[in-house]
Protein backbone atom coordinates (compact mmCIF):
# COMPACT_ATOMS: atom_id res chain seq x y z
CA UNK A 1 -61.79 41.20 -24.20
CA UNK A 2 -64.89 39.71 -22.56
CA UNK A 3 -66.58 37.02 -24.54
CA UNK A 4 -69.91 37.62 -22.80
CA UNK A 5 -72.10 40.17 -24.58
CA UNK A 6 -74.68 42.57 -23.20
CA UNK A 7 -78.29 41.59 -23.83
CA UNK A 8 -79.37 42.47 -27.39
CA UNK A 9 -75.97 43.95 -28.13
CA UNK A 10 -75.95 44.19 -31.91
CA UNK A 11 -77.46 42.22 -34.63
CA UNK A 12 -76.08 44.98 -36.78
CA UNK A 13 -75.15 48.60 -36.48
CA UNK A 14 -76.48 50.50 -39.43
CA UNK A 15 -78.51 47.69 -40.96
CA UNK A 16 -79.83 45.44 -38.16
CA UNK A 17 -79.21 41.74 -38.76
CA UNK A 18 -81.94 39.17 -38.83
CA UNK A 19 -83.11 36.47 -41.15
CA UNK A 20 -84.59 38.02 -44.26
CA UNK A 21 -88.28 37.71 -44.93
CA UNK A 22 -90.38 38.03 -48.01
CA UNK A 23 -92.41 41.18 -48.38
CA UNK A 24 -95.98 40.44 -49.40
CA UNK A 25 -96.85 43.16 -51.89
CA UNK A 26 -99.59 41.30 -53.68
CA UNK A 27 -102.51 43.28 -52.31
CA UNK A 28 -103.16 46.62 -50.60
CA UNK A 29 -104.59 46.98 -47.14
CA UNK A 30 -108.38 46.65 -47.34
CA UNK A 31 -109.28 48.90 -44.40
CA UNK A 32 -108.68 52.65 -44.16
CA UNK A 33 -105.89 53.31 -41.69
CA UNK A 34 -104.69 49.71 -41.74
CA UNK A 35 -100.92 49.58 -42.31
CA UNK A 36 -99.83 46.44 -44.12
CA UNK A 37 -96.73 45.20 -45.89
CA UNK A 38 -97.84 46.42 -49.35
CA UNK A 39 -97.98 49.96 -47.92
CA UNK A 40 -94.38 49.87 -46.78
CA UNK A 41 -91.49 51.41 -48.68
CA UNK A 42 -88.48 49.38 -49.75
CA UNK A 43 -84.82 50.28 -49.52
CA UNK A 44 -81.31 48.96 -49.95
CA UNK A 45 -78.16 50.28 -48.36
CA UNK A 46 -74.43 50.02 -48.89
CA UNK A 47 -71.88 50.92 -46.25
CA UNK A 48 -68.22 51.67 -46.96
CA UNK A 49 -66.53 51.30 -43.57
CA UNK A 50 -63.05 52.86 -43.36
CA UNK A 51 -60.16 50.92 -41.83
CA UNK A 52 -57.33 52.23 -39.65
CA UNK A 53 -54.12 50.19 -39.47
CA UNK A 54 -52.40 50.12 -36.07
CA UNK A 55 -49.64 48.28 -34.28
CA UNK A 56 -50.61 44.79 -33.10
CA UNK A 57 -50.56 43.83 -29.43
CA UNK A 58 -49.86 47.39 -28.29
CA UNK A 59 -51.99 50.00 -26.63
CA UNK A 60 -53.40 52.46 -29.18
CA UNK A 61 -54.55 56.04 -28.66
CA UNK A 62 -57.75 56.56 -30.63
CA UNK A 63 -58.99 60.10 -31.37
CA UNK A 64 -62.30 61.21 -32.90
CA UNK A 65 -61.87 64.99 -32.97
CA UNK A 66 -61.97 64.93 -36.80
CA UNK A 67 -65.46 63.42 -36.90
CA UNK A 68 -67.57 66.47 -37.74
CA UNK A 69 -70.30 64.59 -39.68
CA UNK A 70 -71.96 61.28 -38.97
CA UNK A 71 -72.89 58.42 -41.32
CA UNK A 72 -75.91 60.38 -42.50
CA UNK A 73 -73.76 63.46 -43.24
CA UNK A 74 -75.41 65.28 -40.34
CA UNK A 75 -73.10 67.65 -38.51
CA UNK A 76 -71.93 66.70 -35.03
CA UNK A 77 -69.75 68.00 -32.23
CA UNK A 78 -67.21 65.25 -31.41
CA UNK A 79 -67.17 66.25 -27.74
CA UNK A 80 -70.84 67.01 -27.12
CA UNK A 81 -72.52 64.43 -29.36
CA UNK A 82 -70.42 61.28 -28.83
CA UNK A 83 -71.30 59.63 -25.52
CA UNK A 84 -69.78 56.21 -25.94
CA UNK A 85 -67.17 54.28 -27.90
CA UNK A 86 -67.71 50.55 -28.30
CA UNK A 87 -65.10 48.09 -29.55
CA UNK A 88 -66.58 44.96 -31.13
CA UNK A 89 -64.67 41.84 -32.17
CA UNK A 90 -65.66 39.47 -34.99
CA UNK A 91 -63.34 36.45 -34.64
CA UNK A 92 -64.26 34.68 -37.87
CA UNK A 93 -65.25 37.50 -40.21
CA UNK A 94 -63.02 39.57 -42.46
CA UNK A 95 -63.64 43.30 -42.80
CA UNK A 96 -65.18 42.66 -46.20
CA UNK A 97 -67.54 40.05 -44.75
CA UNK A 98 -68.62 42.33 -41.90
CA UNK A 99 -69.21 45.20 -44.30
CA UNK A 100 -71.19 42.99 -46.69
CA UNK A 101 -73.31 41.60 -43.86
CA UNK A 102 -74.06 45.10 -42.59
CA UNK A 103 -75.08 46.28 -46.04
CA UNK A 104 -77.26 43.21 -46.63
CA UNK A 105 -78.87 43.41 -43.19
CA UNK A 106 -77.51 39.97 -42.41
CA UNK A 107 -75.06 40.37 -39.53
CA UNK A 108 -75.91 38.08 -36.63
CA UNK A 109 -75.09 38.53 -32.96
CA UNK A 110 -73.46 35.10 -33.06
CA UNK A 111 -70.72 36.62 -35.24
CA UNK A 112 -69.52 38.72 -32.28
CA UNK A 113 -67.20 37.30 -29.63
CA UNK A 114 -66.40 40.33 -27.53
CA UNK A 115 -67.37 43.87 -26.61
CA UNK A 116 -65.77 46.57 -24.46
CA UNK A 117 -66.63 50.26 -24.23
CA UNK A 118 -65.68 53.67 -22.96
CA UNK A 119 -68.11 56.38 -21.82
CA UNK A 120 -66.77 59.74 -22.95
CA UNK A 121 -66.33 62.65 -20.55
CA UNK A 122 -67.25 65.48 -22.94
CA UNK A 123 -63.84 67.10 -22.50
CA UNK A 124 -61.44 64.80 -24.35
CA UNK A 125 -61.68 63.29 -27.83
CA UNK A 126 -58.87 60.76 -27.44
CA UNK A 127 -58.73 57.51 -25.45
CA UNK A 128 -56.41 54.52 -25.10
CA UNK A 129 -57.75 51.07 -25.95
CA UNK A 130 -56.51 49.80 -22.58
CA UNK A 131 -59.11 52.07 -20.96
CA UNK A 132 -62.01 50.24 -22.62
CA UNK A 133 -63.87 47.82 -20.34
CA UNK A 134 -67.14 45.99 -19.87
CA UNK A 135 -68.62 45.79 -16.37
CA UNK A 136 -65.19 46.45 -14.91
CA UNK A 137 -63.30 43.98 -17.09
CA UNK A 138 -60.74 45.69 -19.31
CA UNK A 139 -59.32 44.54 -22.60
CA UNK A 140 -55.92 42.83 -22.36
CA UNK A 141 -54.44 44.72 -25.30
CA UNK A 142 -51.24 42.71 -25.55
CA UNK A 143 -53.09 39.41 -25.50
CA UNK A 144 -56.29 40.16 -27.39
CA UNK A 145 -55.83 43.16 -29.67
CA UNK A 146 -53.73 41.30 -32.22
CA UNK A 147 -53.67 40.55 -35.91
CA UNK A 148 -54.83 36.99 -35.16
CA UNK A 149 -57.70 38.18 -32.96
CA UNK A 150 -60.16 38.77 -35.79
CA UNK A 151 -61.82 41.89 -37.12
CA UNK A 152 -62.24 44.86 -34.78
CA UNK A 153 -64.83 47.60 -35.22
CA UNK A 154 -65.30 50.80 -33.23
CA UNK A 155 -68.72 52.42 -32.86
CA UNK A 156 -69.05 56.06 -31.89
CA UNK A 157 -72.54 56.40 -30.46
CA UNK A 158 -74.93 59.02 -29.15
CA UNK A 159 -76.24 57.57 -25.92
CA UNK A 160 -74.68 54.76 -23.92
CA UNK A 161 -76.84 51.78 -24.89
CA UNK A 162 -74.48 49.26 -26.47
CA UNK A 163 -74.76 49.21 -30.25
CA UNK A 164 -77.58 51.75 -30.41
CA UNK A 165 -77.31 55.26 -31.82
CA UNK A 166 -74.19 54.78 -33.95
CA UNK A 167 -73.06 58.09 -35.45
CA UNK A 168 -69.82 56.73 -36.94
CA UNK A 169 -68.11 53.35 -37.26
CA UNK A 170 -64.64 52.32 -38.34
CA UNK A 171 -62.49 49.20 -38.45
CA UNK A 172 -59.28 49.00 -36.45
CA UNK A 173 -56.75 46.71 -38.08
CA UNK A 174 -53.88 45.54 -35.83
CA UNK A 175 -50.92 44.52 -37.98
CA UNK A 176 -47.54 43.06 -37.14
CA UNK A 177 -45.97 45.27 -39.81
CA UNK A 178 -47.59 48.49 -38.58
CA UNK A 179 -46.07 50.74 -35.92
CA UNK A 180 -48.78 53.41 -35.48
CA UNK A 181 -50.07 53.72 -31.91
CA UNK A 182 -51.84 57.07 -32.33
CA UNK A 183 -54.68 57.14 -34.88
CA UNK A 184 -57.75 59.24 -35.73
CA UNK A 185 -61.24 58.27 -36.85
CA UNK A 186 -62.17 59.84 -40.19
CA UNK A 187 -65.26 61.93 -40.89
CA UNK A 188 -68.43 59.93 -41.54
CA UNK A 189 -69.93 61.79 -44.49
CA UNK A 190 -70.09 59.78 -47.72
CA UNK A 191 -69.79 56.30 -46.20
CA UNK A 192 -73.48 55.35 -46.36
CA UNK A 193 -75.45 55.04 -49.58
CA UNK A 194 -79.17 54.32 -49.43
CA UNK A 195 -81.65 53.82 -52.25
CA UNK A 196 -85.35 53.84 -51.45
CA UNK A 197 -88.54 53.21 -53.39
CA UNK A 198 -91.60 55.24 -52.39
CA UNK A 199 -93.37 55.07 -55.74
CA UNK A 200 -94.09 51.34 -55.96
CA UNK A 201 -95.88 51.06 -52.63
CA UNK A 202 -99.62 51.18 -52.07
CA UNK A 203 -100.33 54.50 -50.29
CA UNK A 204 -102.06 54.41 -46.92
CA UNK A 205 -105.67 55.56 -47.07
CA UNK A 206 -106.84 57.68 -44.13
CA UNK A 207 -110.18 59.58 -44.03
CA UNK A 208 -109.56 63.24 -44.81
CA UNK A 209 -112.10 64.30 -42.20
CA UNK A 210 -111.07 61.73 -39.60
CA UNK A 211 -111.03 59.64 -37.56
CA UNK A 212 -107.25 59.52 -37.98
CA UNK A 213 -106.70 56.08 -36.49
CA UNK A 214 -103.94 53.85 -37.90
CA UNK A 215 -103.39 50.18 -37.09
CA UNK A 216 -100.18 48.24 -37.78
CA UNK A 217 -101.02 44.96 -36.06
CA UNK A 218 -100.70 43.02 -39.33
CA UNK A 219 -97.34 44.52 -40.34
CA UNK A 220 -94.71 41.78 -40.64
CA UNK A 221 -91.59 43.09 -42.41
CA UNK A 222 -89.51 46.23 -42.66
CA UNK A 223 -88.35 48.07 -45.76
CA UNK A 224 -85.71 45.43 -46.52
CA UNK A 225 -88.15 42.55 -46.15
CA UNK A 226 -86.83 41.50 -42.73
CA UNK A 227 -89.26 40.25 -40.08
CA UNK A 228 -90.13 42.77 -37.38
CA UNK A 229 -91.57 42.61 -33.89
CA UNK A 230 -94.32 45.22 -33.67
CA UNK A 231 -93.59 45.67 -29.97
CA UNK A 232 -90.23 47.20 -30.94
CA UNK A 233 -91.99 50.15 -32.56
CA UNK A 234 -91.74 53.02 -30.09
CA UNK A 235 -92.38 56.13 -32.15
CA UNK A 236 -94.73 57.46 -34.84
CA UNK A 237 -94.18 60.35 -37.24
CA UNK A 238 -96.69 62.06 -39.50
CA UNK A 239 -95.12 64.75 -41.68
CA UNK A 240 -95.98 67.05 -44.56
CA UNK A 241 -93.56 68.04 -47.32
CA UNK A 242 -94.72 71.09 -49.23
CA UNK A 243 -94.18 70.87 -52.99
CA UNK A 244 -92.63 67.40 -52.75
CA UNK A 245 -93.64 64.14 -54.41
CA UNK A 246 -92.91 60.54 -53.50
CA UNK A 247 -90.24 60.53 -56.19
CA UNK A 248 -88.49 63.63 -54.85
CA UNK A 249 -88.56 62.30 -51.30
CA UNK A 250 -86.83 59.06 -52.24
CA UNK A 251 -83.43 60.75 -51.99
CA UNK A 252 -84.23 62.20 -48.55
CA UNK A 253 -84.76 58.97 -46.63
CA UNK A 254 -82.28 59.76 -43.86
CA UNK A 255 -83.36 63.41 -43.58
CA UNK A 256 -87.13 63.08 -43.43
CA UNK A 257 -87.44 64.67 -40.00
CA UNK A 258 -85.04 67.48 -40.86
CA UNK A 259 -86.71 68.36 -44.17
CA UNK A 260 -90.37 68.21 -43.16
CA UNK A 261 -92.46 71.35 -43.62
CA UNK A 262 -94.66 70.26 -40.73
CA UNK A 263 -93.79 67.41 -38.38
CA UNK A 264 -95.83 65.63 -35.71
CA UNK A 265 -94.55 62.81 -33.52
CA UNK A 266 -95.78 60.66 -30.69
CA UNK A 267 -94.14 58.02 -28.46
CA UNK A 268 -95.44 54.47 -28.41
CA UNK A 269 -95.19 51.84 -25.70
CA UNK A 270 -96.11 48.58 -27.39
CA UNK A 271 -99.41 49.62 -28.95
CA UNK A 272 -100.38 48.34 -32.38
CA UNK A 273 -102.71 51.25 -33.16
CA UNK A 274 -102.78 54.98 -32.58
CA UNK A 275 -104.87 58.09 -33.12
CA UNK A 276 -102.85 60.60 -35.16
CA UNK A 277 -104.71 63.40 -33.36
CA UNK A 278 -102.48 62.61 -30.36
CA UNK A 279 -99.31 63.35 -32.33
CA UNK A 280 -97.86 66.77 -31.58
CA UNK A 281 -95.49 69.25 -33.22
CA UNK A 282 -94.31 72.80 -32.82
CA UNK A 283 -97.74 74.12 -33.82
CA UNK A 284 -99.69 71.83 -31.51
CA UNK A 285 -101.54 68.60 -32.18
CA UNK A 286 -102.17 67.07 -35.58
CA UNK A 287 -105.56 68.31 -36.80
CA UNK A 288 -105.85 66.98 -40.34
CA UNK A 289 -104.41 66.96 -43.83
CA UNK A 290 -103.91 70.09 -45.89
CA UNK A 291 -101.45 71.72 -48.27
CA UNK A 292 -100.04 71.07 -51.72
CA UNK A 293 -97.42 68.37 -51.35
CA UNK A 294 -96.95 64.92 -49.82
CA UNK A 295 -97.88 63.50 -46.43
CA UNK A 296 -95.72 60.69 -45.04
CA UNK A 297 -96.33 58.31 -42.15
CA UNK A 298 -93.45 56.53 -40.40
CA UNK A 299 -93.05 54.04 -37.56
CA UNK A 300 -89.68 53.99 -35.83
CA UNK A 301 -87.67 51.97 -33.34
CA UNK A 302 -85.28 54.13 -31.30
CA UNK A 303 -83.60 51.07 -29.80
CA UNK A 304 -82.85 49.56 -33.19
CA UNK A 305 -79.55 50.07 -34.97
CA UNK A 306 -80.98 51.11 -38.30
CA UNK A 307 -81.57 54.84 -38.86
CA UNK A 308 -84.28 54.09 -41.44
CA UNK A 309 -87.92 53.73 -40.30
CA UNK A 310 -89.40 50.27 -39.81
CA UNK A 311 -92.39 51.47 -41.79
CA UNK A 312 -92.65 54.43 -44.16
CA UNK A 313 -95.47 55.21 -46.55
CA UNK A 314 -97.23 57.91 -48.47
CA UNK A 315 -100.62 58.97 -47.09
CA UNK A 316 -103.57 59.52 -49.40
CA UNK A 317 -106.39 61.27 -47.54
CA UNK A 318 -109.70 59.86 -48.77
């Protein structure tokens, strides 16, 4: 397996790894439309990654036709929705240590010593490990896929950017006492548990009559208190949830786009401010706040490995 990694491969898969920061929640933002750390939600996550035992030093046929739901319990078509399989090696981490680092948002790229992948063809949901490669270099299964090689993890992703868009992940565990050379990835529903807090934050104040400008130039950490780079933010969402409260939305963190009564989005290209009037949805452009329920504002990073927003807050029109 190649030891060289693609640029920005993975700091983590479901919870992106970086050094933790301290969220400053001592004071609310002073300016209407200014998004600051005290406005941001907080969340914790726990990931229970399944493990598949296989023969060691032998080619293995890996199938994913049984994966009908992803880590967020969203339905998927294993042929149409899985574009890439990536095999990652952690030479000095046990499965338990990888899982704990993922859950704590503390898995570093330096923990990874190799990566190979396979782009699916949309017709077959099984592949041999010997077919995996990286820039033309294949894995030497007999030499490298062994019990002594470390911990191996497979990512099933939507899209072909390495480490991004993971729909399902599983450990492969080569063992000298195991004979299985044909294995299947299990369904992803029930493996990810997330707890969020939307009630303790300071809501974002935006003028009810406009202008609807928001500015996140002073935002420093995400919902787990990890430092962020504002230039990574490439999408904005403003959504209304009829009849919902902050408390009721806390259990819907990974389904906010699916469950919105009205949803408006806009792409971003490095800006640190935006006019919500430029966000669009199925009924046109955002034109103001109305309805009996809760408005939410989110900032996202599509290239990041975490399905949760970088920023998420309740909006209080003023």
